[in-house]
Amino acid sequence: MEHNIIEEKRNKLNLDIRGLLTVIDLIDGNKKEYEDYITDSLNEIEFLDQQIKLVNEAKERLISVFKD
């Protein structure tokens, strides 16, 4: 049961981050495809690396929007 809860939270985190990136797409006009999380496809380190990559992408794109 705990495994299912963890996977639900992983999916939610990934969807929320990709949702944020979609909003940034609307702001800067640079639509991109983002890595989806596939349930049970990554170990904890790989999952965290994937999410960190997405968050860093969001940060860099927002910095770029406000620099211009």
N, C-alpha and C. Protein backbone atom coordinates (compact mmCIF):
# COMPACT_ATOMS: atom_id res chain seq x y z
N MET A 1 0.82 -1.19 0.00
CA MET A 1 0.00 0.00 0.00
C MET A 1 0.87 1.26 0.00
N GLU A 2 1.92 1.27 0.83
CA GLU A 2 2.80 2.43 0.88
C GLU A 2 3.43 2.69 -0.48
N HIS A 3 3.80 1.63 -1.19
CA HIS A 3 4.39 1.77 -2.53
C HIS A 3 3.43 2.52 -3.46
N ASN A 4 2.15 2.19 -3.39
CA ASN A 4 1.16 2.87 -4.24
C ASN A 4 1.07 4.35 -3.91
N ILE A 5 1.13 4.68 -2.64
CA ILE A 5 1.07 6.08 -2.23
C ILE A 5 2.29 6.84 -2.75
N ILE A 6 3.45 6.22 -2.64
CA ILE A 6 4.68 6.85 -3.14
C ILE A 6 4.58 7.08 -4.65
N GLU A 7 4.11 6.10 -5.39
CA GLU A 7 3.98 6.25 -6.84
C GLU A 7 2.96 7.34 -7.20
N GLU A 8 1.88 7.43 -6.46
CA GLU A 8 0.88 8.49 -6.69
C GLU A 8 1.52 9.86 -6.47
N LYS A 9 2.32 9.98 -5.42
CA LYS A 9 2.98 11.26 -5.13
C LYS A 9 4.04 11.57 -6.18
N ARG A 10 4.75 10.57 -6.66
CA ARG A 10 5.72 10.79 -7.74
C ARG A 10 5.00 11.31 -8.99
N ASN A 11 3.91 10.66 -9.35
CA ASN A 11 3.14 11.09 -10.52
C ASN A 11 2.64 12.51 -10.34
N LYS A 12 2.12 12.84 -9.16
CA LYS A 12 1.59 14.18 -8.90
C LYS A 12 2.70 15.21 -9.01
N LEU A 13 3.85 14.95 -8.40
CA LEU A 13 4.97 15.88 -8.48
C LEU A 13 5.37 16.12 -9.93
N ASN A 14 5.51 15.05 -10.70
CA ASN A 14 5.90 15.20 -12.10
C ASN A 14 4.86 16.00 -12.88
N LEU A 15 3.59 15.71 -12.68
CA LEU A 15 2.54 16.45 -13.37
C LEU A 15 2.52 17.92 -12.97
N ASP A 16 2.72 18.20 -11.70
CA ASP A 16 2.73 19.59 -11.24
C ASP A 16 3.90 20.36 -11.84
N ILE A 17 5.07 19.76 -11.87
CA ILE A 17 6.23 20.43 -12.46
C ILE A 17 6.03 20.65 -13.95
N ARG A 18 5.52 19.63 -14.64
CA ARG A 18 5.28 19.80 -16.07
C ARG A 18 4.17 20.81 -16.33
N GLY A 19 3.20 20.90 -15.40
CA GLY A 19 2.16 21.93 -15.51
C GLY A 19 2.76 23.32 -15.41
N LEU A 20 3.70 23.50 -14.49
CA LEU A 20 4.40 24.77 -14.36
C LEU A 20 5.16 25.10 -15.64
N LEU A 21 5.82 24.12 -16.20
CA LEU A 21 6.55 24.34 -17.45
C LEU A 21 5.60 24.69 -18.60
N THR A 22 4.41 24.15 -18.59
CA THR A 22 3.42 24.48 -19.62
C THR A 22 3.00 25.94 -19.49
N VAL A 23 2.86 26.42 -18.27
CA VAL A 23 2.54 27.84 -18.06
C VAL A 23 3.69 28.70 -18.58
N ILE A 24 4.92 28.28 -18.32
CA ILE A 24 6.08 29.02 -18.84
C ILE A 24 6.07 28.99 -20.36
N ASP A 25 5.66 27.88 -20.97
CA ASP A 25 5.51 27.80 -22.43
C ASP A 25 4.61 28.93 -22.93
N LEU A 26 3.50 29.15 -22.23
CA LEU A 26 2.56 30.20 -22.62
C LEU A 26 3.19 31.59 -22.48
N ILE A 27 4.01 31.76 -21.48
CA ILE A 27 4.63 33.07 -21.23
C ILE A 27 5.71 33.37 -22.26
N ASP A 28 6.60 32.42 -22.51
CA ASP A 28 7.73 32.72 -23.40
C ASP A 28 7.52 32.26 -24.84
N GLY A 29 6.46 31.51 -25.08
CA GLY A 29 6.15 31.08 -26.45
C GLY A 29 7.04 29.97 -26.97
N ASN A 30 7.83 29.35 -26.12
CA ASN A 30 8.74 28.28 -26.53
C ASN A 30 8.23 26.93 -26.05
N LYS A 31 7.24 26.40 -26.74
CA LYS A 31 6.65 25.12 -26.34
C LYS A 31 7.67 24.00 -26.48
N LYS A 32 7.79 23.21 -25.43
CA LYS A 32 8.72 22.09 -25.44
C LYS A 32 8.02 20.84 -24.92
N GLU A 33 8.61 19.70 -25.21
CA GLU A 33 8.13 18.43 -24.67
C GLU A 33 8.94 18.11 -23.42
N TYR A 34 8.26 17.64 -22.40
CA TYR A 34 8.93 17.34 -21.14
C TYR A 34 8.79 15.88 -20.80
N GLU A 35 9.83 15.36 -20.13
CA GLU A 35 9.84 13.95 -19.74
C GLU A 35 8.69 13.62 -18.80
N ASP A 36 7.93 12.63 -19.16
CA ASP A 36 6.85 12.14 -18.31
C ASP A 36 7.43 11.09 -17.39
N TYR A 37 6.84 10.97 -16.21
CA TYR A 37 7.25 9.90 -15.30
C TYR A 37 6.35 8.70 -15.56
N ILE A 38 6.95 7.57 -15.83
CA ILE A 38 6.22 6.32 -16.03
C ILE A 38 6.30 5.52 -14.74
N THR A 39 5.16 5.19 -14.19
CA THR A 39 5.10 4.50 -12.90
C THR A 39 6.05 3.32 -12.84
N ASP A 40 6.77 3.24 -11.75
CA ASP A 40 7.72 2.16 -11.47
C ASP A 40 8.85 2.03 -12.50
N SER A 41 9.15 3.11 -13.20
CA SER A 41 10.19 3.01 -14.23
C SER A 41 11.56 3.49 -13.74
N LEU A 42 11.59 4.22 -12.64
CA LEU A 42 12.85 4.78 -12.16
C LEU A 42 13.05 4.46 -10.68
N ASN A 43 14.31 4.28 -10.29
CA ASN A 43 14.57 4.16 -8.86
C ASN A 43 14.52 5.57 -8.26
N GLU A 44 14.69 5.68 -6.96
CA GLU A 44 14.53 6.96 -6.28
C GLU A 44 15.51 8.02 -6.79
N ILE A 45 16.76 7.63 -6.99
CA ILE A 45 17.77 8.58 -7.46
C ILE A 45 17.45 9.05 -8.88
N GLU A 46 17.10 8.13 -9.76
CA GLU A 46 16.76 8.50 -11.13
C GLU A 46 15.53 9.41 -11.17
N PHE A 47 14.53 9.11 -10.34
CA PHE A 47 13.33 9.94 -10.29
C PHE A 47 13.69 11.35 -9.82
N LEU A 48 14.46 11.45 -8.75
CA LEU A 48 14.84 12.77 -8.24
C LEU A 48 15.67 13.53 -9.27
N ASP A 49 16.57 12.85 -9.94
CA ASP A 49 17.37 13.50 -11.00
C ASP A 49 16.46 14.05 -12.09
N GLN A 50 15.45 13.27 -12.49
CA GLN A 50 14.52 13.71 -13.53
C GLN A 50 13.77 14.96 -13.07
N GLN A 51 13.29 14.97 -11.84
CA GLN A 51 12.52 16.11 -11.35
C GLN A 51 13.41 17.34 -11.16
N ILE A 52 14.64 17.14 -10.69
CA ILE A 52 15.58 18.25 -10.55
C ILE A 52 15.85 18.88 -11.91
N LYS A 53 16.01 18.06 -12.92
CA LYS A 53 16.24 18.55 -14.29
C LYS A 53 15.06 19.42 -14.75
N LEU A 54 13.85 18.97 -14.49
CA LEU A 54 12.67 19.74 -14.89
C LEU A 54 12.57 21.06 -14.12
N VAL A 55 12.85 21.03 -12.82
CA VAL A 55 12.79 22.25 -12.02
C VAL A 55 13.86 23.25 -12.47
N ASN A 56 15.05 22.75 -12.77
CA ASN A 56 16.11 23.64 -13.26
C ASN A 56 15.74 24.26 -14.60
N GLU A 57 15.09 23.48 -15.45
CA GLU A 57 14.60 24.01 -16.73
C GLU A 57 13.61 25.14 -16.49
N ALA A 58 12.68 24.93 -15.56
CA ALA A 58 11.69 25.96 -15.24
C ALA A 58 12.37 27.22 -14.71
N LYS A 59 13.33 27.04 -13.81
CA LYS A 59 14.04 28.18 -13.23
C LYS A 59 14.77 28.98 -14.32
N GLU A 60 15.50 28.29 -15.18
CA GLU A 60 16.26 28.96 -16.23
C GLU A 60 15.34 29.70 -17.20
N ARG A 61 14.22 29.08 -17.53
CA ARG A 61 13.30 29.73 -18.46
C ARG A 61 12.65 30.95 -17.84
N LEU A 62 12.31 30.90 -16.55
CA LEU A 62 11.74 32.06 -15.89
C LEU A 62 12.77 33.19 -15.77
N ILE A 63 14.00 32.84 -15.46
CA ILE A 63 15.06 33.86 -15.40
C ILE A 63 15.19 34.53 -16.77
N SER A 64 15.14 33.73 -17.82
CA SER A 64 15.24 34.26 -19.18
C SER A 64 14.09 35.21 -19.49
N VAL A 65 12.88 34.87 -19.07
CA VAL A 65 11.71 35.72 -19.31
C VAL A 65 11.91 37.07 -18.63
N PHE A 66 12.38 37.07 -17.41
CA PHE A 66 12.48 38.32 -16.67
C PHE A 66 13.74 39.12 -17.00
N LYS A 67 14.74 38.48 -17.63
CA LYS A 67 15.93 39.20 -18.08
C LYS A 67 15.59 40.10 -19.26
N ASP A 68 14.69 39.62 -20.10
CA ASP A 68 14.34 40.37 -21.33
C ASP A 68 13.45 41.48 -21.00
